Amino acid sequence: MPGLTVTEKEHWKNRIAKRIERKIETLKASDPGFFTRVGIQARQQTLDNLGLADLTQRLETIEKQEQERQKQKVRIEREMVAVVRGVSIEDLDDGCYYGRYNNEVDQAIDKRKGVIEDELLAQSDLGREILKLRAERESLLDAIWLATSPRQVKDLWSKVAELLGDEPTQLERDALAIPPVADE
């Protein structure tokens, strides 16, 4: 029997990834506030870690002041329009204004937050299980290829993992244990 085609392997990767994603969503549902709490804590630790906590606090204070001034400005402008039109303020459409600091800072925060979020997840049973499933999802295509590969590829994969000190995921270990595809 010939091995799977690339299309078939991609199909199975997608199917298994969906099952893993469903399990992650089930775990998240078991404690709905868990990721919110981890996200808030990770952001704060990220800002502390990058030395941006005080600056971010100061910037947020200024942004709140600017938003309040903008609201006041819009309120006065709306009053003027209402007077000119001879209608009530409630009959006018609302206008919004949003401002943030540059994208470079956001990117640095997002990168560091991801690392810290993983560290926080690793501190609880629920978080460790989610990290394990994410690792499985990330290495899913490798596991599918390994499961359908000849012995030489499996041996090489194991040697590279050993060289790099990488621990294979459970699916990779299982794939390496599957008898190799017969060469034709």
C-alpha atoms as a PDB file:
ATOM      1  CA  MET A   1       0.000   0.000   0.000  1.00  0.00           C
ATOM      2  CA  PRO A   2       1.490   3.365  -1.006  1.00  0.00           C
ATOM      3  CA  GLY A   3       1.967   6.166   1.547  1.00  0.00           C
ATOM      4  CA  LEU A   4      -0.337   9.142   1.866  1.00  0.00           C
ATOM      5  CA  THR A   5      -0.150  11.991  -0.617  1.00  0.00           C
ATOM      6  CA  VAL A   6       0.753  15.483   0.530  1.00  0.00           C
ATOM      7  CA  THR A   7      -2.917  16.465   0.143  1.00  0.00           C
ATOM      8  CA  GLU A   8      -4.042  13.534   2.275  1.00  0.00           C
ATOM      9  CA  LYS A   9      -1.470  14.340   4.940  1.00  0.00           C
ATOM     10  CA  GLU A  10      -2.625  17.964   4.979  1.00  0.00           C
ATOM     11  CA  HIS A  11      -6.223  16.760   5.321  1.00  0.00           C
ATOM     12  CA  TRP A  12      -5.361  14.612   8.329  1.00  0.00           C
ATOM     13  CA  LYS A  13      -3.297  17.376   9.868  1.00  0.00           C
ATOM     14  CA  ASN A  14      -6.294  19.735   9.607  1.00  0.00           C
ATOM     15  CA  ARG A  15      -8.726  17.162  10.999  1.00  0.00           C
ATOM     16  CA  ILE A  16      -6.531  16.324  13.995  1.00  0.00           C
ATOM     17  CA  ALA A  17      -5.795  20.021  14.614  1.00  0.00           C
ATOM     18  CA  LYS A  18      -9.554  20.680  14.771  1.00  0.00           C
ATOM     19  CA  ARG A  19      -9.956  17.944  17.375  1.00  0.00           C
ATOM     20  CA  ILE A  20      -7.124  19.423  19.432  1.00  0.00           C
ATOM     21  CA  GLU A  21      -8.652  22.902  19.110  1.00  0.00           C
ATOM     22  CA  ARG A  22     -12.020  21.557  20.332  1.00  0.00           C
ATOM     23  CA  LYS A  23     -10.294  20.052  23.375  1.00  0.00           C
ATOM     24  CA  ILE A  24      -8.534  23.362  24.092  1.00  0.00           C
ATOM     25  CA  GLU A  25     -11.892  25.174  23.856  1.00  0.00           C
ATOM     26  CA  THR A  26     -13.437  22.613  26.240  1.00  0.00           C
ATOM     27  CA  LEU A  27     -10.629  23.211  28.712  1.00  0.00           C
ATOM     28  CA  LYS A  28     -11.049  26.969  28.386  1.00  0.00           C
ATOM     29  CA  ALA A  29     -14.780  26.598  29.030  1.00  0.00           C
ATOM     30  CA  SER A  30     -14.058  24.736  32.273  1.00  0.00           C
ATOM     31  CA  ASP A  31     -12.698  27.984  33.709  1.00  0.00           C
ATOM     32  CA  PRO A  32     -13.931  30.872  31.526  1.00  0.00           C
ATOM     33  CA  GLY A  33     -12.030  33.583  33.386  1.00  0.00           C
ATOM     34  CA  PHE A  34      -8.727  31.682  33.374  1.00  0.00           C
ATOM     35  CA  PHE A  35      -7.344  33.128  30.123  1.00  0.00           C
ATOM     36  CA  THR A  36      -8.567  36.601  30.971  1.00  0.00           C
ATOM     37  CA  ARG A  37      -6.717  36.443  34.299  1.00  0.00           C
ATOM     38  CA  VAL A  38      -3.592  35.002  32.639  1.00  0.00           C
ATOM     39  CA  GLY A  39      -3.721  37.685  29.945  1.00  0.00           C
ATOM     40  CA  ILE A  40      -4.003  40.517  32.455  1.00  0.00           C
ATOM     41  CA  GLN A  41      -1.217  39.099  34.615  1.00  0.00           C
ATOM     42  CA  ALA A  42       0.991  38.430  31.570  1.00  0.00           C
ATOM     43  CA  ARG A  43       0.532  41.988  30.287  1.00  0.00           C
ATOM     44  CA  GLN A  44       1.433  43.482  33.672  1.00  0.00           C
ATOM     45  CA  GLN A  45       4.488  41.247  34.044  1.00  0.00           C
ATOM     46  CA  THR A  46       5.476  42.037  30.444  1.00  0.00           C
ATOM     47  CA  LEU A  47       5.314  45.777  31.090  1.00  0.00           C
ATOM     48  CA  ASP A  48       7.303  45.321  34.324  1.00  0.00           C
ATOM     49  CA  ASN A  49       9.803  43.065  32.529  1.00  0.00           C
ATOM     50  CA  LEU A  50      10.343  45.567  29.702  1.00  0.00           C
ATOM     51  CA  GLY A  51      10.575  48.475  32.129  1.00  0.00           C
ATOM     52  CA  LEU A  52       7.455  50.025  30.614  1.00  0.00           C
ATOM     53  CA  ALA A  53       5.012  49.787  33.552  1.00  0.00           C
ATOM     54  CA  ASP A  54       5.472  53.359  34.808  1.00  0.00           C
ATOM     55  CA  LEU A  55       5.643  54.837  31.309  1.00  0.00           C
ATOM     56  CA  THR A  56       2.566  52.914  30.218  1.00  0.00           C
ATOM     57  CA  GLN A  57       0.676  54.083  33.311  1.00  0.00           C
ATOM     58  CA  ARG A  58       1.648  57.682  32.623  1.00  0.00           C
ATOM     59  CA  LEU A  59       0.696  57.323  28.954  1.00  0.00           C
ATOM     60  CA  GLU A  60      -2.669  55.765  29.836  1.00  0.00           C
ATOM     61  CA  THR A  61      -3.356  58.634  32.278  1.00  0.00           C
ATOM     62  CA  ILE A  62      -2.617  61.171  29.549  1.00  0.00           C
ATOM     63  CA  GLU A  63      -4.718  59.205  27.061  1.00  0.00           C
ATOM     64  CA  LYS A  64      -7.634  59.197  29.512  1.00  0.00           C
ATOM     65  CA  GLN A  65      -7.258  62.969  29.926  1.00  0.00           C
ATOM     66  CA  GLU A  66      -7.139  63.395  26.141  1.00  0.00           C
ATOM     67  CA  GLN A  67     -10.216  61.207  25.733  1.00  0.00           C
ATOM     68  CA  GLU A  68     -12.053  63.295  28.301  1.00  0.00           C
ATOM     69  CA  ARG A  69     -11.036  66.490  26.476  1.00  0.00           C
ATOM     70  CA  GLN A  70     -12.095  64.937  23.179  1.00  0.00           C
ATOM     71  CA  LYS A  71     -15.474  64.001  24.708  1.00  0.00           C
ATOM     72  CA  GLN A  72     -15.849  67.573  25.947  1.00  0.00           C
ATOM     73  CA  LYS A  73     -14.957  68.902  22.497  1.00  0.00           C
ATOM     74  CA  VAL A  74     -17.414  66.575  20.796  1.00  0.00           C
ATOM     75  CA  ARG A  75     -20.094  67.470  23.336  1.00  0.00           C
ATOM     76  CA  ILE A  76     -19.628  71.202  22.668  1.00  0.00           C
ATOM     77  CA  GLU A  77     -19.548  70.663  18.889  1.00  0.00           C
ATOM     78  CA  ARG A  78     -22.716  68.558  19.124  1.00  0.00           C
ATOM     79  CA  GLU A  79     -24.401  71.274  21.153  1.00  0.00           C
ATOM     80  CA  MET A  80     -23.451  73.816  18.464  1.00  0.00           C
ATOM     81  CA  VAL A  81     -24.809  71.595  15.682  1.00  0.00           C
ATOM     82  CA  ALA A  82     -27.982  70.948  17.678  1.00  0.00           C
ATOM     83  CA  VAL A  83     -28.493  74.683  18.182  1.00  0.00           C
ATOM     84  CA  VAL A  84     -27.918  75.409  14.488  1.00  0.00           C
ATOM     85  CA  ARG A  85     -30.277  72.613  13.414  1.00  0.00           C
ATOM     86  CA  GLY A  86     -32.803  73.435  16.064  1.00  0.00           C
ATOM     87  CA  VAL A  87     -32.882  69.847  17.393  1.00  0.00           C
ATOM     88  CA  SER A  88     -31.914  68.128  20.618  1.00  0.00           C
ATOM     89  CA  ILE A  89     -28.430  66.699  21.152  1.00  0.00           C
ATOM     90  CA  GLU A  90     -29.919  63.198  21.424  1.00  0.00           C
ATOM     91  CA  ASP A  91     -31.072  63.428  17.793  1.00  0.00           C
ATOM     92  CA  LEU A  92     -27.462  63.730  16.536  1.00  0.00           C
ATOM     93  CA  ASP A  93     -25.108  60.860  15.651  1.00  0.00           C
ATOM     94  CA  ASP A  94     -22.170  60.057  17.953  1.00  0.00           C
ATOM     95  CA  GLY A  95     -18.570  60.555  16.842  1.00  0.00           C
ATOM     96  CA  CYS A  96     -15.584  58.573  18.188  1.00  0.00           C
ATOM     97  CA  TYR A  97     -11.880  59.164  18.488  1.00  0.00           C
ATOM     98  CA  TYR A  98      -9.196  56.617  19.375  1.00  0.00           C
ATOM     99  CA  GLY A  99      -5.455  57.135  19.739  1.00  0.00           C
ATOM    100  CA  ARG A 100      -2.547  54.854  20.766  1.00  0.00           C
ATOM    101  CA  TYR A 101       1.236  54.901  20.770  1.00  0.00           C
ATOM    102  CA  ASN A 102       3.192  53.513  17.828  1.00  0.00           C
ATOM    103  CA  ASN A 103       3.063  49.949  16.529  1.00  0.00           C
ATOM    104  CA  GLU A 104       6.651  49.116  17.506  1.00  0.00           C
ATOM    105  CA  VAL A 105       5.832  49.284  21.218  1.00  0.00           C
ATOM    106  CA  ASP A 106       2.678  47.196  20.701  1.00  0.00           C
ATOM    107  CA  GLN A 107       4.718  44.532  18.884  1.00  0.00           C
ATOM    108  CA  ALA A 108       7.326  44.371  21.655  1.00  0.00           C
ATOM    109  CA  ILE A 109       4.602  44.023  24.258  1.00  0.00           C
ATOM    110  CA  ASP A 110       2.798  41.318  22.281  1.00  0.00           C
ATOM    111  CA  LYS A 111       5.973  39.251  21.808  1.00  0.00           C
ATOM    112  CA  ARG A 112       7.001  39.425  25.448  1.00  0.00           C
ATOM    113  CA  LYS A 113       3.415  38.892  26.619  1.00  0.00           C
ATOM    114  CA  GLY A 114       3.269  35.622  24.667  1.00  0.00           C
ATOM    115  CA  VAL A 115       6.381  34.314  26.404  1.00  0.00           C
ATOM    116  CA  ILE A 116       5.182  35.377  29.848  1.00  0.00           C
ATOM    117  CA  GLU A 117       1.700  34.013  29.170  1.00  0.00           C
ATOM    118  CA  ASP A 118       3.254  30.595  28.421  1.00  0.00           C
ATOM    119  CA  GLU A 119       5.255  30.809  31.656  1.00  0.00           C
ATOM    120  CA  LEU A 120       2.064  31.589  33.576  1.00  0.00           C
ATOM    121  CA  LEU A 121       0.193  28.768  31.863  1.00  0.00           C
ATOM    122  CA  ALA A 122       2.990  26.374  32.871  1.00  0.00           C
ATOM    123  CA  GLN A 123       2.252  27.160  36.528  1.00  0.00           C
ATOM    124  CA  SER A 124      -1.121  25.375  36.585  1.00  0.00           C
ATOM    125  CA  ASP A 125      -2.418  21.958  35.569  1.00  0.00           C
ATOM    126  CA  LEU A 126      -4.960  23.471  33.185  1.00  0.00           C
ATOM    127  CA  GLY A 127      -2.340  25.718  31.607  1.00  0.00           C
ATOM    128  CA  ARG A 128       0.187  22.871  31.227  1.00  0.00           C
ATOM    129  CA  GLU A 129      -2.413  20.727  29.487  1.00  0.00           C
ATOM    130  CA  ILE A 130      -3.210  23.565  27.080  1.00  0.00           C
ATOM    131  CA  LEU A 131       0.496  24.145  26.394  1.00  0.00           C
ATOM    132  CA  LYS A 132       0.918  20.424  25.709  1.00  0.00           C
ATOM    133  CA  LEU A 133      -1.998  20.450  23.263  1.00  0.00           C
ATOM    134  CA  ARG A 134      -0.661  23.568  21.539  1.00  0.00           C
ATOM    135  CA  ALA A 135       2.704  21.836  21.097  1.00  0.00           C
ATOM    136  CA  GLU A 136       0.927  18.819  19.625  1.00  0.00           C
ATOM    137  CA  ARG A 137      -0.989  21.071  17.230  1.00  0.00           C
ATOM    138  CA  GLU A 138       2.217  22.852  16.189  1.00  0.00           C
ATOM    139  CA  SER A 139       4.023  19.572  15.463  1.00  0.00           C
ATOM    140  CA  LEU A 140       1.040  17.835  13.931  1.00  0.00           C
ATOM    141  CA  LEU A 141       2.254  17.921  10.341  1.00  0.00           C
ATOM    142  CA  ASP A 142       5.637  16.541  11.448  1.00  0.00           C
ATOM    143  CA  ALA A 143       3.877  13.699  13.269  1.00  0.00           C
ATOM    144  CA  ILE A 144       1.811  12.873  10.183  1.00  0.00           C
ATOM    145  CA  TRP A 145       4.903  12.834   7.978  1.00  0.00           C
ATOM    146  CA  LEU A 146       6.785  10.709  10.506  1.00  0.00           C
ATOM    147  CA  ALA A 147       3.927   8.222  10.742  1.00  0.00           C
ATOM    148  CA  THR A 148       4.081   7.699   6.973  1.00  0.00           C
ATOM    149  CA  SER A 149       7.852   7.906   6.458  1.00  0.00           C
ATOM    150  CA  PRO A 150      10.534   5.259   5.886  1.00  0.00           C
ATOM    151  CA  ARG A 151      12.852   4.155   8.706  1.00  0.00           C
ATOM    152  CA  GLN A 152      15.708   6.427   7.493  1.00  0.00           C
ATOM    153  CA  VAL A 153      13.615   9.576   7.968  1.00  0.00           C
ATOM    154  CA  LYS A 154      12.412   8.404  11.393  1.00  0.00           C
ATOM    155  CA  ASP A 155      15.975   7.616  12.484  1.00  0.00           C
ATOM    156  CA  LEU A 156      17.229  10.983  11.220  1.00  0.00           C
ATOM    157  CA  TRP A 157      14.382  12.802  12.997  1.00  0.00           C
ATOM    158  CA  SER A 158      15.253  11.074  16.268  1.00  0.00           C
ATOM    159  CA  LYS A 159      18.949  11.916  15.911  1.00  0.00           C
ATOM    160  CA  VAL A 160      18.236  15.588  15.151  1.00  0.00           C
ATOM    161  CA  ALA A 161      15.906  15.808  18.169  1.00  0.00           C
ATOM    162  CA  GLU A 162      18.586  14.213  20.340  1.00  0.00           C
ATOM    163  CA  LEU A 163      21.237  16.586  18.979  1.00  0.00           C
ATOM    164  CA  LEU A 164      19.048  19.620  19.702  1.00  0.00           C
ATOM    165  CA  GLY A 165      17.889  18.304  23.054  1.00  0.00           C
ATOM    166  CA  ASP A 166      14.266  18.456  21.896  1.00  0.00           C
ATOM    167  CA  GLU A 167      11.710  16.271  23.602  1.00  0.00           C
ATOM    168  CA  PRO A 168       9.284  14.816  21.030  1.00  0.00           C
ATOM    169  CA  THR A 169       5.577  15.344  21.580  1.00  0.00           C
ATOM    170  CA  GLN A 170       3.403  12.352  22.406  1.00  0.00           C
ATOM    171  CA  LEU A 171       2.094  12.215  18.826  1.00  0.00           C
ATOM    172  CA  GLU A 172       5.648  12.328  17.468  1.00  0.00           C
ATOM    173  CA  ARG A 173       6.677   9.464  19.789  1.00  0.00           C
ATOM    174  CA  ASP A 174       3.648   7.490  18.646  1.00  0.00           C
ATOM    175  CA  ALA A 175       4.404   8.264  14.985  1.00  0.00           C
ATOM    176  CA  LEU A 176       8.016   7.132  15.404  1.00  0.00           C
ATOM    177  CA  ALA A 177       6.716   3.832  16.841  1.00  0.00           C
ATOM    178  CA  ILE A 178       4.541   3.099  13.808  1.00  0.00           C
ATOM    179  CA  PRO A 179       6.223   0.599  11.490  1.00  0.00           C
ATOM    180  CA  PRO A 180       7.779   2.428   8.538  1.00  0.00           C
ATOM    181  CA  VAL A 181       6.108   2.573   5.163  1.00  0.00           C
ATOM    182  CA  ALA A 182       7.442  -0.153   2.892  1.00  0.00           C
ATOM    183  CA  ASP A 183       9.600   1.180   0.068  1.00  0.00           C
ATOM    184  CA  GLU A 184       8.267   0.390  -3.394  1.00  0.00           C
END
